[in-house]
Protein backbone atom coordinates (compact mmCIF):
# COMPACT_ATOMS: atom_id res chain seq x y z
CA UNK A 1 0.00 0.00 0.00
CA UNK A 2 1.30 3.43 -0.97
CA UNK A 3 -0.05 6.24 1.20
CA UNK A 4 -0.32 9.81 -0.07
CA UNK A 5 -1.50 12.91 1.78
CA UNK A 6 -3.70 15.94 1.14
CA UNK A 7 -3.63 19.08 3.27
CA UNK A 8 -6.81 21.12 3.09
CA UNK A 9 -8.67 23.79 5.05
CA UNK A 10 -11.07 22.13 7.46
CA UNK A 11 -14.08 24.07 6.11
CA UNK A 12 -13.32 23.02 2.52
CA UNK A 13 -12.91 19.40 3.61
CA UNK A 14 -16.19 19.44 5.55
CA UNK A 15 -17.99 20.75 2.45
CA UNK A 16 -16.45 17.92 0.43
CA UNK A 17 -17.62 15.35 2.96
CA UNK A 18 -21.15 16.76 2.72
CA UNK A 19 -20.98 16.47 -1.10
CA UNK A 20 -19.39 13.02 -1.00
CA UNK A 21 -16.30 14.07 -2.98
CA UNK A 22 -13.42 16.53 -2.87
CA UNK A 23 -13.15 18.43 -6.15
CA UNK A 24 -10.08 20.36 -5.04
CA UNK A 25 -8.81 23.51 -3.41
CA UNK A 26 -8.44 26.66 -5.53
CA UNK A 27 -4.87 25.70 -6.57
CA UNK A 28 -6.08 22.23 -7.58
CA UNK A 29 -8.92 23.64 -9.65
CA UNK A 30 -6.58 26.12 -11.35
CA UNK A 31 -4.09 23.35 -12.25
CA UNK A 32 -6.69 20.80 -13.36
CA UNK A 33 -5.77 18.08 -10.87
CA UNK A 34 -5.68 17.48 -7.11
CA UNK A 35 -2.23 17.90 -5.58
CA UNK A 36 -0.99 15.29 -3.10
CA UNK A 37 2.31 14.67 -1.34
CA UNK A 38 4.15 11.57 -0.24
CA UNK A 39 5.09 11.10 3.41
CA UNK A 40 8.55 12.52 2.69
CA UNK A 41 7.10 15.59 0.92
CA UNK A 42 4.22 16.48 3.24
CA UNK A 43 6.10 18.52 5.85
CA UNK A 44 7.75 20.64 3.16
CA UNK A 45 4.39 21.09 1.40
CA UNK A 46 2.87 22.31 4.67
CA UNK A 47 5.73 24.76 5.27
CA UNK A 48 5.73 26.06 1.69
CA UNK A 49 2.01 26.32 0.94
CA UNK A 50 0.29 26.42 4.36
CA UNK A 51 2.74 28.30 6.60
CA UNK A 52 1.02 29.69 9.69
CA UNK A 53 -2.42 28.42 8.65
CA UNK A 54 -4.56 26.82 11.30
CA UNK A 55 -7.82 24.87 10.92
CA UNK A 56 -6.28 22.45 8.44
CA UNK A 57 -6.80 18.73 8.06
CA UNK A 58 -4.53 16.02 6.71
CA UNK A 59 -6.25 13.34 4.66
CA UNK A 60 -4.55 9.97 4.23
CA UNK A 61 -5.26 8.16 0.96
CA UNK A 62 -4.26 4.74 -0.34
CA UNK A 63 -2.80 5.66 -3.74
CA UNK A 64 -3.39 2.13 -5.04
CA UNK A 65 -7.16 2.77 -4.90
CA UNK A 66 -6.96 5.71 -7.31
CA UNK A 67 -6.05 3.72 -10.41
CA UNK A 68 -4.93 5.30 -13.65
CA UNK A 69 -6.30 8.73 -12.69
CA UNK A 70 -3.29 9.16 -10.38
CA UNK A 71 -0.18 10.37 -12.19
CA UNK A 72 3.30 10.80 -10.70
CA UNK A 73 4.70 14.00 -12.19
CA UNK A 74 7.85 16.04 -11.70
CA UNK A 75 7.41 19.17 -9.65
CA UNK A 76 9.40 20.91 -6.90
CA UNK A 77 13.09 20.18 -7.51
CA UNK A 78 12.26 17.49 -10.04
CA UNK A 79 10.70 15.24 -7.39
CA UNK A 80 7.71 13.14 -8.46
CA UNK A 81 4.46 14.24 -6.86
CA UNK A 82 1.12 12.42 -7.02
CA UNK A 83 -1.58 14.29 -8.97
CA UNK A 84 -5.16 13.04 -9.24
CA UNK A 85 -7.03 13.76 -12.47
CA UNK A 86 -10.53 13.17 -11.11
CA UNK A 87 -12.46 14.04 -7.99
CA UNK A 88 -11.41 12.37 -4.76
CA UNK A 89 -14.26 10.23 -3.50
CA UNK A 90 -14.69 9.98 0.23
CA UNK A 91 -14.43 6.19 0.03
CA UNK A 92 -10.88 6.70 -1.35
CA UNK A 93 -9.89 8.33 1.96
CA UNK A 94 -8.46 6.13 4.71
CA UNK A 95 -8.49 8.71 7.49
CA UNK A 96 -8.56 12.44 8.19
CA UNK A 97 -6.68 14.14 11.01
CA UNK A 98 -6.53 17.67 12.41
CA UNK A 99 -3.29 19.46 11.54
CA UNK A 100 -2.74 21.93 14.38
CA UNK A 101 -0.01 24.51 14.72
CA UNK A 102 2.61 24.22 17.43
CA UNK A 103 3.67 27.20 19.55
CA UNK A 104 6.50 27.88 17.07
CA UNK A 105 4.04 28.12 14.16
CA UNK A 106 4.90 24.79 12.54
CA UNK A 107 2.32 22.10 11.80
CA UNK A 108 2.15 19.20 14.22
CA UNK A 109 1.87 15.90 12.32
CA UNK A 110 2.01 13.87 15.51
CA UNK A 111 2.44 10.21 14.59
CA UNK A 112 0.44 10.39 11.35
CA UNK A 113 3.46 10.38 9.03
CA UNK A 114 5.88 7.45 9.11
C-alpha atoms as a PDB file:
ATOM      1  CA  UNK A   1       0.000   0.000   0.000  1.00  0.00           C
ATOM      2  CA  UNK A   2       1.303   3.428  -0.967  1.00  0.00           C
ATOM      3  CA  UNK A   3      -0.053   6.239   1.200  1.00  0.00           C
ATOM      4  CA  UNK A   4      -0.323   9.811  -0.067  1.00  0.00           C
ATOM      5  CA  UNK A   5      -1.497  12.907   1.784  1.00  0.00           C
ATOM      6  CA  UNK A   6      -3.695  15.940   1.138  1.00  0.00           C
ATOM      7  CA  UNK A   7      -3.627  19.077   3.272  1.00  0.00           C
ATOM      8  CA  UNK A   8      -6.812  21.125   3.091  1.00  0.00           C
ATOM      9  CA  UNK A   9      -8.671  23.786   5.048  1.00  0.00           C
ATOM     10  CA  UNK A  10     -11.075  22.126   7.461  1.00  0.00           C
ATOM     11  CA  UNK A  11     -14.077  24.074   6.109  1.00  0.00           C
ATOM     12  CA  UNK A  12     -13.318  23.016   2.523  1.00  0.00           C
ATOM     13  CA  UNK A  13     -12.915  19.397   3.605  1.00  0.00           C
ATOM     14  CA  UNK A  14     -16.191  19.444   5.554  1.00  0.00           C
ATOM     15  CA  UNK A  15     -17.986  20.755   2.452  1.00  0.00           C
ATOM     16  CA  UNK A  16     -16.453  17.923   0.428  1.00  0.00           C
ATOM     17  CA  UNK A  17     -17.619  15.348   2.964  1.00  0.00           C
ATOM     18  CA  UNK A  18     -21.147  16.759   2.723  1.00  0.00           C
ATOM     19  CA  UNK A  19     -20.979  16.469  -1.097  1.00  0.00           C
ATOM     20  CA  UNK A  20     -19.385  13.020  -0.999  1.00  0.00           C
ATOM     21  CA  UNK A  21     -16.300  14.068  -2.982  1.00  0.00           C
ATOM     22  CA  UNK A  22     -13.416  16.527  -2.875  1.00  0.00           C
ATOM     23  CA  UNK A  23     -13.149  18.428  -6.154  1.00  0.00           C
ATOM     24  CA  UNK A  24     -10.076  20.363  -5.042  1.00  0.00           C
ATOM     25  CA  UNK A  25      -8.811  23.511  -3.408  1.00  0.00           C
ATOM     26  CA  UNK A  26      -8.435  26.659  -5.525  1.00  0.00           C
ATOM     27  CA  UNK A  27      -4.866  25.699  -6.565  1.00  0.00           C
ATOM     28  CA  UNK A  28      -6.079  22.225  -7.581  1.00  0.00           C
ATOM     29  CA  UNK A  29      -8.921  23.641  -9.645  1.00  0.00           C
ATOM     30  CA  UNK A  30      -6.579  26.119 -11.347  1.00  0.00           C
ATOM     31  CA  UNK A  31      -4.094  23.351 -12.249  1.00  0.00           C
ATOM     32  CA  UNK A  32      -6.689  20.800 -13.358  1.00  0.00           C
ATOM     33  CA  UNK A  33      -5.774  18.084 -10.868  1.00  0.00           C
ATOM     34  CA  UNK A  34      -5.685  17.478  -7.114  1.00  0.00           C
ATOM     35  CA  UNK A  35      -2.227  17.899  -5.582  1.00  0.00           C
ATOM     36  CA  UNK A  36      -0.988  15.292  -3.097  1.00  0.00           C
ATOM     37  CA  UNK A  37       2.308  14.671  -1.343  1.00  0.00           C
ATOM     38  CA  UNK A  38       4.155  11.575  -0.244  1.00  0.00           C
ATOM     39  CA  UNK A  39       5.088  11.100   3.405  1.00  0.00           C
ATOM     40  CA  UNK A  40       8.551  12.524   2.686  1.00  0.00           C
ATOM     41  CA  UNK A  41       7.102  15.588   0.918  1.00  0.00           C
ATOM     42  CA  UNK A  42       4.219  16.482   3.240  1.00  0.00           C
ATOM     43  CA  UNK A  43       6.096  18.521   5.851  1.00  0.00           C
ATOM     44  CA  UNK A  44       7.749  20.644   3.156  1.00  0.00           C
ATOM     45  CA  UNK A  45       4.391  21.087   1.401  1.00  0.00           C
ATOM     46  CA  UNK A  46       2.867  22.314   4.668  1.00  0.00           C
ATOM     47  CA  UNK A  47       5.728  24.756   5.269  1.00  0.00           C
ATOM     48  CA  UNK A  48       5.728  26.059   1.695  1.00  0.00           C
ATOM     49  CA  UNK A  49       2.009  26.320   0.941  1.00  0.00           C
ATOM     50  CA  UNK A  50       0.285  26.418   4.359  1.00  0.00           C
ATOM     51  CA  UNK A  51       2.738  28.299   6.603  1.00  0.00           C
ATOM     52  CA  UNK A  52       1.018  29.687   9.688  1.00  0.00           C
ATOM     53  CA  UNK A  53      -2.421  28.423   8.652  1.00  0.00           C
ATOM     54  CA  UNK A  54      -4.563  26.823  11.301  1.00  0.00           C
ATOM     55  CA  UNK A  55      -7.817  24.868  10.920  1.00  0.00           C
ATOM     56  CA  UNK A  56      -6.279  22.450   8.445  1.00  0.00           C
ATOM     57  CA  UNK A  57      -6.798  18.726   8.056  1.00  0.00           C
ATOM     58  CA  UNK A  58      -4.528  16.019   6.714  1.00  0.00           C
ATOM     59  CA  UNK A  59      -6.253  13.338   4.659  1.00  0.00           C
ATOM     60  CA  UNK A  60      -4.549   9.970   4.227  1.00  0.00           C
ATOM     61  CA  UNK A  61      -5.264   8.155   0.963  1.00  0.00           C
ATOM     62  CA  UNK A  62      -4.260   4.738  -0.344  1.00  0.00           C
ATOM     63  CA  UNK A  63      -2.795   5.658  -3.738  1.00  0.00           C
ATOM     64  CA  UNK A  64      -3.387   2.130  -5.036  1.00  0.00           C
ATOM     65  CA  UNK A  65      -7.161   2.767  -4.897  1.00  0.00           C
ATOM     66  CA  UNK A  66      -6.961   5.706  -7.307  1.00  0.00           C
ATOM     67  CA  UNK A  67      -6.048   3.722 -10.406  1.00  0.00           C
ATOM     68  CA  UNK A  68      -4.928   5.303 -13.655  1.00  0.00           C
ATOM     69  CA  UNK A  69      -6.299   8.729 -12.690  1.00  0.00           C
ATOM     70  CA  UNK A  70      -3.286   9.155 -10.380  1.00  0.00           C
ATOM     71  CA  UNK A  71      -0.177  10.368 -12.188  1.00  0.00           C
ATOM     72  CA  UNK A  72       3.303  10.798 -10.698  1.00  0.00           C
ATOM     73  CA  UNK A  73       4.704  13.997 -12.189  1.00  0.00           C
ATOM     74  CA  UNK A  74       7.854  16.043 -11.699  1.00  0.00           C
ATOM     75  CA  UNK A  75       7.409  19.175  -9.651  1.00  0.00           C
ATOM     76  CA  UNK A  76       9.405  20.905  -6.901  1.00  0.00           C
ATOM     77  CA  UNK A  77      13.089  20.184  -7.506  1.00  0.00           C
ATOM     78  CA  UNK A  78      12.259  17.485 -10.043  1.00  0.00           C
ATOM     79  CA  UNK A  79      10.696  15.242  -7.386  1.00  0.00           C
ATOM     80  CA  UNK A  80       7.714  13.145  -8.463  1.00  0.00           C
ATOM     81  CA  UNK A  81       4.458  14.244  -6.856  1.00  0.00           C
ATOM     82  CA  UNK A  82       1.123  12.415  -7.020  1.00  0.00           C
ATOM     83  CA  UNK A  83      -1.579  14.285  -8.973  1.00  0.00           C
ATOM     84  CA  UNK A  84      -5.161  13.038  -9.240  1.00  0.00           C
ATOM     85  CA  UNK A  85      -7.033  13.762 -12.472  1.00  0.00           C
ATOM     86  CA  UNK A  86     -10.528  13.167 -11.105  1.00  0.00           C
ATOM     87  CA  UNK A  87     -12.456  14.040  -7.988  1.00  0.00           C
ATOM     88  CA  UNK A  88     -11.407  12.375  -4.755  1.00  0.00           C
ATOM     89  CA  UNK A  89     -14.260  10.233  -3.499  1.00  0.00           C
ATOM     90  CA  UNK A  90     -14.687   9.982   0.231  1.00  0.00           C
ATOM     91  CA  UNK A  91     -14.428   6.195   0.034  1.00  0.00           C
ATOM     92  CA  UNK A  92     -10.878   6.705  -1.345  1.00  0.00           C
ATOM     93  CA  UNK A  93      -9.892   8.327   1.959  1.00  0.00           C
ATOM     94  CA  UNK A  94      -8.455   6.127   4.709  1.00  0.00           C
ATOM     95  CA  UNK A  95      -8.493   8.711   7.488  1.00  0.00           C
ATOM     96  CA  UNK A  96      -8.558  12.436   8.190  1.00  0.00           C
ATOM     97  CA  UNK A  97      -6.677  14.138  11.013  1.00  0.00           C
ATOM     98  CA  UNK A  98      -6.530  17.671  12.413  1.00  0.00           C
ATOM     99  CA  UNK A  99      -3.294  19.461  11.538  1.00  0.00           C
ATOM    100  CA  UNK A 100      -2.738  21.930  14.379  1.00  0.00           C
ATOM    101  CA  UNK A 101      -0.012  24.511  14.716  1.00  0.00           C
ATOM    102  CA  UNK A 102       2.612  24.224  17.428  1.00  0.00           C
ATOM    103  CA  UNK A 103       3.674  27.198  19.547  1.00  0.00           C
ATOM    104  CA  UNK A 104       6.505  27.878  17.067  1.00  0.00           C
ATOM    105  CA  UNK A 105       4.041  28.123  14.156  1.00  0.00           C
ATOM    106  CA  UNK A 106       4.904  24.785  12.542  1.00  0.00           C
ATOM    107  CA  UNK A 107       2.321  22.097  11.801  1.00  0.00           C
ATOM    108  CA  UNK A 108       2.148  19.199  14.217  1.00  0.00           C
ATOM    109  CA  UNK A 109       1.867  15.903  12.318  1.00  0.00           C
ATOM    110  CA  UNK A 110       2.012  13.874  15.514  1.00  0.00           C
ATOM    111  CA  UNK A 111       2.444  10.210  14.587  1.00  0.00           C
ATOM    112  CA  UNK A 112       0.436  10.386  11.345  1.00  0.00           C
ATOM    113  CA  UNK A 113       3.459  10.379   9.035  1.00  0.00           C
ATOM    114  CA  UNK A 114       5.876   7.447   9.106  1.00  0.00           C
END
